[in-house]
Amino acid sequence: MKKTLNKMLPKVYGRYFNLLARASKKRAAEKAFYVFCTVRKGRVLPNQKEYLDEVKSDTLEVKSHTLQTYHWPGSKETVLLVHGWESNTFRWRNLVAKLREADFNIVAFDAPAHGYSSGQHLDLPLYSDGVQAMIKKHDPKYLIGHSMGGMTLMYNEFKHQNTGVEKMVTIGAPSEFYEIMNHYQRLLNFNNKVRKALEEFVLDRFGFTVKEFSSSRFAKENTKKGLLLHDELDKLAPFHSSEAVHSYWMDSTFIRTKGLGHSMHQEHVNEQIVDFLKN
C-alpha cells in the first residue's frame, strides 16, 4: 500500500498544480518550486551517528541556516568535500580514509536540510552559499563534489572564481538544469502553463533562466585543473552530463566507468581521486 501511495503522490501534486494555475500561475509556480526543493531523506541515520559525531566541528550560519561542519586534521593541503542531494557527510567515509592516509587536511559540511544542518528545503544557489562560506573559512586548495555537490561546485566557481582553489573533482554530477526540470515535469505530469510559470519564478528568484544554469556553460570559464568521474550506467545523473562538461573544461581529465553505479564509493575510484590531488 505504501509503495502504491508513493507512486501516486507525484501525480496528485501535478494535478493540484494544474488546477491551481487556473486561478494563479504565480501561486502554482511557487508551490511547484518548494515541492521540488523539499528534502525528504539525508538526515543522520543511527548507523551514521557514531562516525559523524566523532568528527563534528563548528557550525556555520548561512542564510538563516545552521550548517554542521566536520574536520579530519592533516598536515597537507585542505580538501573540501561536498555531498549530493538527500545525502550527508557520512557518504564520504571511504574517500576520507584514503585522504587521511595521504595526510590531507579534510573539511566537510552537511547541506541545508541534510545531516545535522537545519532546514527543510535546498536549492543549488543556497548550497553554493554554504560552499562559499566554507571556502572563506578554511581556504581549501582542493574541492570534491558528488552529484548535486559537483554541480554546485561548478556554479560556485563560475560565480566566485576563488583564487585559492587549484583543483576540482566532480563525481556523477548532473550538468543541465533544464534536464532536471524536464524530469520533474514528467514525474508530476504538470502542464506547460505550470512549467512556464515555474521557469519565470526561477528567473525572478535567482536571476538566471533554466537554460542558462548549465555546468557545461560554467565550464567554459573554469581555469582550475579538473577531474570528472562518471559511470556509463548511472541511473540518477546522465553520463552525457560529464562528457559535455569535460568538452568545455579546458584543463580537465575525464574518467569513465561502467557498472559502478551513481555513488562510486569503490576503492580504486578513491585512489584515482587521491592520485589526482597529489600529482
C-alpha atoms as a PDB file:
ATOM      1  CA  MET A   1       0.000   0.000   0.000  1.00  0.00           C
ATOM      2  CA  LYS A   2       2.784   2.448   0.955  1.00  0.00           C
ATOM      3  CA  LYS A   3       4.602   1.871  -2.356  1.00  0.00           C
ATOM      4  CA  THR A   4       1.367   2.476  -4.272  1.00  0.00           C
ATOM      5  CA  LEU A   5       0.757   5.741  -2.415  1.00  0.00           C
ATOM      6  CA  ASN A   6       4.326   6.879  -3.056  1.00  0.00           C
ATOM      7  CA  LYS A   7       3.861   6.257  -6.779  1.00  0.00           C
ATOM      8  CA  MET A   8       0.542   8.126  -6.831  1.00  0.00           C
ATOM      9  CA  LEU A   9       1.702  11.160  -4.839  1.00  0.00           C
ATOM     10  CA  PRO A  10       3.705  12.891  -7.616  1.00  0.00           C
ATOM     11  CA  LYS A  11       0.708  12.779  -9.969  1.00  0.00           C
ATOM     12  CA  VAL A  12      -1.536  14.169  -7.232  1.00  0.00           C
ATOM     13  CA  TYR A  13       0.854  17.109  -6.870  1.00  0.00           C
ATOM     14  CA  GLY A  14       0.852  17.583 -10.640  1.00  0.00           C
ATOM     15  CA  ARG A  15      -2.945  17.710 -10.849  1.00  0.00           C
ATOM     16  CA  TYR A  16      -3.005  20.146  -7.929  1.00  0.00           C
ATOM     17  CA  PHE A  17      -0.536  22.482  -9.672  1.00  0.00           C
ATOM     18  CA  ASN A  18      -2.560  22.324 -12.904  1.00  0.00           C
ATOM     19  CA  LEU A  19      -5.751  23.258 -11.087  1.00  0.00           C
ATOM     20  CA  LEU A  20      -4.077  25.975  -9.033  1.00  0.00           C
ATOM     21  CA  ALA A  21      -2.596  27.557 -12.169  1.00  0.00           C
ATOM     22  CA  ARG A  22      -6.110  28.263 -13.442  1.00  0.00           C
ATOM     23  CA  ALA A  23      -6.554  30.675 -10.529  1.00  0.00           C
ATOM     24  CA  SER A  24      -2.940  31.844 -10.073  1.00  0.00           C
ATOM     25  CA  LYS A  25       0.028  30.786 -12.181  1.00  0.00           C
ATOM     26  CA  LYS A  26       2.367  32.545  -9.773  1.00  0.00           C
ATOM     27  CA  ARG A  27       0.995  30.625  -6.793  1.00  0.00           C
ATOM     28  CA  ALA A  28       1.202  27.332  -8.687  1.00  0.00           C
ATOM     29  CA  ALA A  29       4.818  28.064  -9.611  1.00  0.00           C
ATOM     30  CA  GLU A  30       5.730  28.869  -6.019  1.00  0.00           C
ATOM     31  CA  LYS A  31       4.150  25.644  -4.761  1.00  0.00           C
ATOM     32  CA  ALA A  32       5.864  23.616  -7.506  1.00  0.00           C
ATOM     33  CA  PHE A  33       9.213  25.170  -6.632  1.00  0.00           C
ATOM     34  CA  TYR A  34       9.000  24.342  -2.934  1.00  0.00           C
ATOM     35  CA  VAL A  35       7.869  20.775  -3.609  1.00  0.00           C
ATOM     36  CA  PHE A  36      10.855  20.487  -5.957  1.00  0.00           C
ATOM     37  CA  CYS A  37      13.239  21.749  -3.240  1.00  0.00           C
ATOM     38  CA  THR A  38      11.799  19.719  -0.351  1.00  0.00           C
ATOM     39  CA  VAL A  39      14.361  17.305   1.110  1.00  0.00           C
ATOM     40  CA  ARG A  40      12.832  14.007   2.239  1.00  0.00           C
ATOM     41  CA  LYS A  41      15.961  11.974   3.047  1.00  0.00           C
ATOM     42  CA  GLY A  42      19.515  12.636   4.137  1.00  0.00           C
ATOM     43  CA  ARG A  43      19.186  13.146   7.885  1.00  0.00           C
ATOM     44  CA  VAL A  44      21.697  11.307  10.076  1.00  0.00           C
ATOM     45  CA  LEU A  45      20.722   7.651  10.454  1.00  0.00           C
ATOM     46  CA  PRO A  46      21.512   5.585  13.589  1.00  0.00           C
ATOM     47  CA  ASN A  47      24.328   3.708  11.825  1.00  0.00           C
ATOM     48  CA  GLN A  48      25.910   7.030  10.759  1.00  0.00           C
ATOM     49  CA  LYS A  49      25.764   8.846  14.090  1.00  0.00           C
ATOM     50  CA  GLU A  50      28.901   7.478  15.781  1.00  0.00           C
ATOM     51  CA  TYR A  51      31.119   8.176  12.774  1.00  0.00           C
ATOM     52  CA  LEU A  52      29.882  11.744  12.308  1.00  0.00           C
ATOM     53  CA  ASP A  53      29.727  12.668  15.993  1.00  0.00           C
ATOM     54  CA  GLU A  54      33.434  11.922  16.412  1.00  0.00           C
ATOM     55  CA  VAL A  55      34.446  14.496  13.779  1.00  0.00           C
ATOM     56  CA  LYS A  56      31.897  17.250  14.373  1.00  0.00           C
ATOM     57  CA  SER A  57      33.418  20.707  14.254  1.00  0.00           C
ATOM     58  CA  ASP A  58      31.926  24.214  14.372  1.00  0.00           C
ATOM     59  CA  THR A  59      28.586  25.272  12.936  1.00  0.00           C
ATOM     60  CA  LEU A  60      28.206  27.987  10.305  1.00  0.00           C
ATOM     61  CA  GLU A  61      25.303  30.423   9.971  1.00  0.00           C
ATOM     62  CA  VAL A  62      24.412  30.812   6.292  1.00  0.00           C
ATOM     63  CA  LYS A  63      21.213  32.478   5.033  1.00  0.00           C
ATOM     64  CA  SER A  64      19.286  31.722   8.245  1.00  0.00           C
ATOM     65  CA  HIS A  65      20.537  28.114   8.254  1.00  0.00           C
ATOM     66  CA  THR A  66      22.805  26.472  10.815  1.00  0.00           C
ATOM     67  CA  LEU A  67      25.224  24.206   8.965  1.00  0.00           C
ATOM     68  CA  GLN A  68      27.107  21.424  10.723  1.00  0.00           C
ATOM     69  CA  THR A  69      30.761  21.145   9.704  1.00  0.00           C
ATOM     70  CA  TYR A  70      33.299  18.337  10.126  1.00  0.00           C
ATOM     71  CA  HIS A  71      37.086  18.191  10.329  1.00  0.00           C
ATOM     72  CA  TRP A  72      39.734  15.490   9.947  1.00  0.00           C
ATOM     73  CA  PRO A  73      43.076  17.223  10.701  1.00  0.00           C
ATOM     74  CA  GLY A  74      46.093  16.652   8.456  1.00  0.00           C
ATOM     75  CA  SER A  75      49.398  18.351   7.679  1.00  0.00           C
ATOM     76  CA  LYS A  76      48.939  18.687   3.921  1.00  0.00           C
ATOM     77  CA  GLU A  77      46.601  20.770   1.761  1.00  0.00           C
ATOM     78  CA  THR A  78      42.969  21.310   2.767  1.00  0.00           C
ATOM     79  CA  VAL A  79      40.265  19.389   0.875  1.00  0.00           C
ATOM     80  CA  LEU A  80      36.592  20.399   0.973  1.00  0.00           C
ATOM     81  CA  LEU A  81      34.017  17.626   0.425  1.00  0.00           C
ATOM     82  CA  VAL A  82      30.517  18.487  -0.872  1.00  0.00           C
ATOM     83  CA  HIS A  83      27.893  15.717  -0.808  1.00  0.00           C
ATOM     84  CA  GLY A  84      24.873  15.219  -3.073  1.00  0.00           C
ATOM     85  CA  TRP A  85      21.075  15.507  -2.817  1.00  0.00           C
ATOM     86  CA  GLU A  86      19.427  13.642   0.089  1.00  0.00           C
ATOM     87  CA  SER A  87      22.795  12.516   1.430  1.00  0.00           C
ATOM     88  CA  ASN A  88      25.142  13.828   4.122  1.00  0.00           C
ATOM     89  CA  THR A  89      28.810  13.868   5.100  1.00  0.00           C
ATOM     90  CA  PHE A  90      28.727  10.161   6.018  1.00  0.00           C
ATOM     91  CA  ARG A  91      28.814   9.345   2.293  1.00  0.00           C
ATOM     92  CA  TRP A  92      32.493  10.406   2.218  1.00  0.00           C
ATOM     93  CA  ARG A  93      33.741   7.862   4.762  1.00  0.00           C
ATOM     94  CA  ASN A  94      35.620   5.690   2.235  1.00  0.00           C
ATOM     95  CA  LEU A  95      37.274   8.598   0.460  1.00  0.00           C
ATOM     96  CA  VAL A  96      38.101  10.229   3.807  1.00  0.00           C
ATOM     97  CA  ALA A  97      40.042   7.098   4.803  1.00  0.00           C
ATOM     98  CA  LYS A  98      42.171   7.387   1.642  1.00  0.00           C
ATOM     99  CA  LEU A  99      42.669  11.134   2.056  1.00  0.00           C
ATOM    100  CA  ARG A 100      43.769  10.623   5.663  1.00  0.00           C
ATOM    101  CA  GLU A 101      46.319   8.036   4.583  1.00  0.00           C
ATOM    102  CA  ALA A 102      47.809  10.785   2.403  1.00  0.00           C
ATOM    103  CA  ASP A 103      47.640  13.196   5.412  1.00  0.00           C
ATOM    104  CA  PHE A 104      45.357  15.760   3.786  1.00  0.00           C
ATOM    105  CA  ASN A 105      43.517  18.250   5.991  1.00  0.00           C
ATOM    106  CA  ILE A 106      39.841  17.462   5.336  1.00  0.00           C
ATOM    107  CA  VAL A 107      36.721  19.560   5.937  1.00  0.00           C
ATOM    108  CA  ALA A 108      33.090  18.936   5.039  1.00  0.00           C
ATOM    109  CA  PHE A 109      29.600  20.109   5.934  1.00  0.00           C
ATOM    110  CA  ASP A 110      26.004  18.956   5.754  1.00  0.00           C
ATOM    111  CA  ALA A 111      23.936  20.928   3.253  1.00  0.00           C
ATOM    112  CA  PRO A 112      20.836  22.786   4.469  1.00  0.00           C
ATOM    113  CA  ALA A 113      18.080  20.255   5.314  1.00  0.00           C
ATOM    114  CA  HIS A 114      20.640  17.411   5.329  1.00  0.00           C
ATOM    115  CA  GLY A 115      22.532  15.584   8.061  1.00  0.00           C
ATOM    116  CA  TYR A 116      22.677  17.698  11.209  1.00  0.00           C
ATOM    117  CA  SER A 117      22.064  21.003   9.404  1.00  0.00           C
ATOM    118  CA  SER A 118      18.824  22.962   9.752  1.00  0.00           C
ATOM    119  CA  GLY A 119      16.035  23.488   7.229  1.00  0.00           C
ATOM    120  CA  GLN A 120      13.568  21.612   5.058  1.00  0.00           C
ATOM    121  CA  HIS A 121      14.446  22.861   1.564  1.00  0.00           C
ATOM    122  CA  LEU A 122      17.560  23.069  -0.581  1.00  0.00           C
ATOM    123  CA  ASP A 123      18.228  24.825  -3.856  1.00  0.00           C
ATOM    124  CA  LEU A 124      21.556  24.976  -5.606  1.00  0.00           C
ATOM    125  CA  PRO A 125      22.300  28.697  -5.091  1.00  0.00           C
ATOM    126  CA  LEU A 126      21.714  28.204  -1.354  1.00  0.00           C
ATOM    127  CA  TYR A 127      24.077  25.217  -1.407  1.00  0.00           C
ATOM    128  CA  SER A 128      26.622  27.404  -3.192  1.00  0.00           C
ATOM    129  CA  ASP A 129      26.361  29.944  -0.371  1.00  0.00           C
ATOM    130  CA  GLY A 130      27.301  27.174   2.060  1.00  0.00           C
ATOM    131  CA  VAL A 131      30.242  26.114  -0.104  1.00  0.00           C
ATOM    132  CA  GLN A 132      31.483  29.698  -0.328  1.00  0.00           C
ATOM    133  CA  ALA A 133      31.253  30.125   3.444  1.00  0.00           C
ATOM    134  CA  MET A 134      33.402  27.002   3.877  1.00  0.00           C
ATOM    135  CA  ILE A 135      35.909  28.251   1.310  1.00  0.00           C
ATOM    136  CA  LYS A 136      36.224  31.608   3.075  1.00  0.00           C
ATOM    137  CA  LYS A 137      36.713  29.926   6.447  1.00  0.00           C
ATOM    138  CA  HIS A 138      39.061  27.081   5.504  1.00  0.00           C
ATOM    139  CA  ASP A 139      40.782  28.242   2.284  1.00  0.00           C
ATOM    140  CA  PRO A 140      40.844  24.778   0.646  1.00  0.00           C
ATOM    141  CA  LYS A 141      43.096  24.112  -2.339  1.00  0.00           C
ATOM    142  CA  TYR A 142      41.008  21.148  -3.492  1.00  0.00           C
ATOM    143  CA  LEU A 143      37.239  20.731  -3.869  1.00  0.00           C
ATOM    144  CA  ILE A 144      35.402  17.426  -4.364  1.00  0.00           C
ATOM    145  CA  GLY A 145      31.681  17.181  -5.068  1.00  0.00           C
ATOM    146  CA  HIS A 146      29.364  14.246  -5.658  1.00  0.00           C
ATOM    147  CA  SER A 147      26.195  14.517  -7.784  1.00  0.00           C
ATOM    148  CA  MET A 148      24.407  17.783  -6.919  1.00  0.00           C
ATOM    149  CA  GLY A 149      27.505  18.692  -4.910  1.00  0.00           C
ATOM    150  CA  GLY A 150      29.572  18.558  -8.093  1.00  0.00           C
ATOM    151  CA  MET A 151      27.074  20.722  -9.956  1.00  0.00           C
ATOM    152  CA  THR A 152      27.182  23.180  -7.053  1.00  0.00           C
ATOM    153  CA  LEU A 153      30.970  23.401  -7.287  1.00  0.00           C
ATOM    154  CA  MET A 154      30.776  24.231 -10.997  1.00  0.00           C
ATOM    155  CA  TYR A 155      28.263  27.016 -10.347  1.00  0.00           C
ATOM    156  CA  ASN A 156      30.181  28.326  -7.350  1.00  0.00           C
ATOM    157  CA  GLU A 157      33.428  28.533  -9.320  1.00  0.00           C
ATOM    158  CA  PHE A 158      31.637  30.361 -12.143  1.00  0.00           C
ATOM    159  CA  LYS A 159      30.176  32.813  -9.636  1.00  0.00           C
ATOM    160  CA  HIS A 160      33.206  33.425  -7.399  1.00  0.00           C
ATOM    161  CA  GLN A 161      36.364  32.196  -9.189  1.00  0.00           C
ATOM    162  CA  ASN A 162      38.172  31.569  -5.910  1.00  0.00           C
ATOM    163  CA  THR A 163      41.880  32.183  -6.464  1.00  0.00           C
ATOM    164  CA  GLY A 164      42.986  29.847  -3.659  1.00  0.00           C
ATOM    165  CA  VAL A 165      41.359  26.793  -5.227  1.00  0.00           C
ATOM    166  CA  GLU A 166      43.680  24.828  -7.522  1.00  0.00           C
ATOM    167  CA  LYS A 167      41.856  21.571  -8.314  1.00  0.00           C
ATOM    168  CA  MET A 168      38.239  20.416  -8.528  1.00  0.00           C
ATOM    169  CA  VAL A 169      36.736  16.924  -8.722  1.00  0.00           C
ATOM    170  CA  THR A 170      33.165  16.058  -9.699  1.00  0.00           C
ATOM    171  CA  ILE A 171      31.678  12.572  -9.311  1.00  0.00           C
ATOM    172  CA  GLY A 172      28.474  11.543 -11.096  1.00  0.00           C
ATOM    173  CA  ALA A 173      27.361  15.164 -11.394  1.00  0.00           C
ATOM    174  CA  PRO A 174      24.415  16.390 -13.495  1.00  0.00           C
ATOM    175  CA  SER A 175      25.005  19.355 -15.772  1.00  0.00           C
ATOM    176  CA  GLU A 176      21.846  20.873 -17.280  1.00  0.00           C
ATOM    177  CA  PHE A 177      19.166  22.284 -15.009  1.00  0.00           C
ATOM    178  CA  TYR A 178      16.599  22.117 -17.809  1.00  0.00           C
ATOM    179  CA  GLU A 179      17.078  18.315 -17.940  1.00  0.00           C
ATOM    180  CA  ILE A 180      16.368  18.117 -14.215  1.00  0.00           C
ATOM    181  CA  MET A 181      13.296  20.276 -14.740  1.00  0.00           C
ATOM    182  CA  ASN A 182      12.177  18.057 -17.648  1.00  0.00           C
ATOM    183  CA  HIS A 183      12.360  15.029 -15.344  1.00  0.00           C
ATOM    184  CA  TYR A 184      10.388  16.862 -12.646  1.00  0.00           C
ATOM    185  CA  GLN A 185       7.643  17.778 -15.120  1.00  0.00           C
ATOM    186  CA  ARG A 186       7.409  14.192 -16.428  1.00  0.00           C
ATOM    187  CA  LEU A 187       7.331  12.776 -12.911  1.00  0.00           C
ATOM    188  CA  LEU A 188       4.493  15.032 -11.755  1.00  0.00           C
ATOM    189  CA  ASN A 189       2.830  15.395 -15.157  1.00  0.00           C
ATOM    190  CA  PHE A 190       2.057  19.092 -14.751  1.00  0.00           C
ATOM    191  CA  ASN A 191       1.198  21.081 -17.857  1.00  0.00           C
ATOM    192  CA  ASN A 192       3.275  23.596 -19.810  1.00  0.00           C
ATOM    193  CA  LYS A 193       1.413  26.534 -18.265  1.00  0.00           C
ATOM    194  CA  VAL A 194       2.810  25.478 -14.870  1.00  0.00           C
ATOM    195  CA  ARG A 195       6.213  24.817 -16.405  1.00  0.00           C
ATOM    196  CA  LYS A 196       6.397  28.296 -17.927  1.00  0.00           C
ATOM    197  CA  ALA A 197       5.315  29.903 -14.660  1.00  0.00           C
ATOM    198  CA  LEU A 198       7.892  27.832 -12.763  1.00  0.00           C
ATOM    199  CA  GLU A 199      10.666  28.968 -15.108  1.00  0.00           C
ATOM    200  CA  GLU A 200       9.582  32.589 -14.630  1.00  0.00           C
ATOM    201  CA  PHE A 201       9.667  32.045 -10.856  1.00  0.00           C
ATOM    202  CA  VAL A 202      13.246  30.725 -11.090  1.00  0.00           C
ATOM    203  CA  LEU A 203      14.304  33.722 -13.195  1.00  0.00           C
ATOM    204  CA  ASP A 204      12.741  36.204 -10.773  1.00  0.00           C
ATOM    205  CA  ARG A 205      14.237  34.493  -7.731  1.00  0.00           C
ATOM    206  CA  PHE A 206      17.755  33.762  -8.955  1.00  0.00           C
ATOM    207  CA  GLY A 207      18.369  35.998 -11.959  1.00  0.00           C
ATOM    208  CA  PHE A 208      19.049  33.237 -14.484  1.00  0.00           C
ATOM    209  CA  THR A 209      16.928  31.093 -16.783  1.00  0.00           C
ATOM    210  CA  VAL A 210      16.612  27.326 -16.511  1.00  0.00           C
ATOM    211  CA  LYS A 211      18.617  27.008 -19.754  1.00  0.00           C
ATOM    212  CA  GLU A 212      21.366  29.324 -18.514  1.00  0.00           C
ATOM    213  CA  PHE A 213      22.006  27.231 -15.422  1.00  0.00           C
ATOM    214  CA  SER A 214      24.386  24.764 -17.024  1.00  0.00           C
ATOM    215  CA  SER A 215      27.625  23.216 -15.762  1.00  0.00           C
ATOM    216  CA  SER A 216      28.834  22.832 -19.338  1.00  0.00           C
ATOM    217  CA  ARG A 217      28.357  26.585 -19.783  1.00  0.00           C
ATOM    218  CA  PHE A 218      30.070  27.304 -16.469  1.00  0.00           C
ATOM    219  CA  ALA A 219      32.984  25.072 -17.502  1.00  0.00           C
ATOM    220  CA  LYS A 220      33.908  27.339 -20.405  1.00  0.00           C
ATOM    221  CA  GLU A 221      35.322  29.874 -17.940  1.00  0.00           C
ATOM    222  CA  ASN A 222      36.778  27.394 -15.454  1.00  0.00           C
ATOM    223  CA  THR A 223      40.568  27.758 -15.247  1.00  0.00           C
ATOM    224  CA  LYS A 224      41.072  25.229 -12.439  1.00  0.00           C
ATOM    225  CA  LYS A 225      42.540  21.780 -13.021  1.00  0.00           C
ATOM    226  CA  GLY A 226      39.640  19.332 -13.058  1.00  0.00           C
ATOM    227  CA  LEU A 227      38.858  15.644 -12.751  1.00  0.00           C
ATOM    228  CA  LEU A 228      35.448  14.264 -13.715  1.00  0.00           C
ATOM    229  CA  LEU A 229      34.313  10.729 -12.922  1.00  0.00           C
ATOM    230  CA  HIS A 230      31.046   9.289 -14.203  1.00  0.00           C
ATOM    231  CA  ASP A 231      29.613   5.820 -14.723  1.00  0.00           C
ATOM    232  CA  GLU A 232      28.097   4.995 -18.115  1.00  0.00           C
ATOM    233  CA  LEU A 233      25.170   3.213 -16.441  1.00  0.00           C
ATOM    234  CA  ASP A 234      24.419   5.941 -13.891  1.00  0.00           C
ATOM    235  CA  LYS A 235      20.625   5.935 -13.434  1.00  0.00           C
ATOM    236  CA  LEU A 236      20.394   9.187 -11.460  1.00  0.00           C
ATOM    237  CA  ALA A 237      22.666  11.605 -13.328  1.00  0.00           C
ATOM    238  CA  PRO A 238      23.042  11.109 -17.102  1.00  0.00           C
ATOM    239  CA  PHE A 239      26.508  10.103 -18.269  1.00  0.00           C
ATOM    240  CA  HIS A 240      26.455  12.667 -21.074  1.00  0.00           C
ATOM    241  CA  SER A 241      26.494  15.417 -18.425  1.00  0.00           C
ATOM    242  CA  SER A 242      30.151  14.878 -17.563  1.00  0.00           C
ATOM    243  CA  GLU A 243      31.009  14.292 -21.216  1.00  0.00           C
ATOM    244  CA  ALA A 244      29.637  17.727 -22.051  1.00  0.00           C
ATOM    245  CA  VAL A 245      31.324  19.470 -19.122  1.00  0.00           C
ATOM    246  CA  HIS A 246      34.662  17.857 -19.985  1.00  0.00           C
ATOM    247  CA  SER A 247      34.383  19.022 -23.602  1.00  0.00           C
ATOM    248  CA  TYR A 248      34.194  22.654 -22.425  1.00  0.00           C
ATOM    249  CA  TRP A 249      36.528  22.462 -19.414  1.00  0.00           C
ATOM    250  CA  MET A 250      39.943  23.172 -20.853  1.00  0.00           C
ATOM    251  CA  ASP A 251      42.186  21.669 -18.160  1.00  0.00           C
ATOM    252  CA  SER A 252      40.111  18.637 -17.207  1.00  0.00           C
ATOM    253  CA  THR A 253      40.532  14.860 -17.224  1.00  0.00           C
ATOM    254  CA  PHE A 254      37.551  12.567 -17.666  1.00  0.00           C
ATOM    255  CA  ILE A 255      37.410   9.038 -16.211  1.00  0.00           C
ATOM    256  CA  ARG A 256      34.509   6.931 -17.432  1.00  0.00           C
ATOM    257  CA  THR A 257      33.498   3.763 -15.642  1.00  0.00           C
ATOM    258  CA  LYS A 258      30.902   1.071 -16.269  1.00  0.00           C
ATOM    259  CA  GLY A 259      28.875  -0.764 -13.664  1.00  0.00           C
ATOM    260  CA  LEU A 260      29.983   1.192 -10.583  1.00  0.00           C
ATOM    261  CA  GLY A 261      26.672   2.985 -10.088  1.00  0.00           C
ATOM    262  CA  HIS A 262      25.951   6.550  -9.039  1.00  0.00           C
ATOM    263  CA  SER A 263      27.673   6.658  -5.642  1.00  0.00           C
ATOM    264  CA  MET A 264      31.101   5.401  -6.806  1.00  0.00           C
ATOM    265  CA  HIS A 265      32.482   4.512  -3.371  1.00  0.00           C
ATOM    266  CA  GLN A 266      34.881   1.903  -4.760  1.00  0.00           C
ATOM    267  CA  GLU A 267      38.468   1.823  -3.502  1.00  0.00           C
ATOM    268  CA  HIS A 268      40.123   2.225  -6.896  1.00  0.00           C
ATOM    269  CA  VAL A 269      37.927   5.262  -7.628  1.00  0.00           C
ATOM    270  CA  ASN A 270      39.022   6.902  -4.389  1.00  0.00           C
ATOM    271  CA  GLU A 271      42.664   6.071  -5.139  1.00  0.00           C
ATOM    272  CA  GLN A 272      42.370   7.809  -8.518  1.00  0.00           C
ATOM    273  CA  ILE A 273      40.978  10.900  -6.814  1.00  0.00           C
ATOM    274  CA  VAL A 274      43.798  10.987  -4.273  1.00  0.00           C
ATOM    275  CA  ASP A 275      46.395  10.478  -7.014  1.00  0.00           C
ATOM    276  CA  PHE A 276      44.929  13.428  -8.920  1.00  0.00           C
ATOM    277  CA  LEU A 277      45.226  15.650  -5.863  1.00  0.00           C
ATOM    278  CA  LYS A 278      48.781  14.557  -5.090  1.00  0.00           C
ATOM    279  CA  ASN A 279      50.217  14.879  -8.609  1.00  0.00           C
END
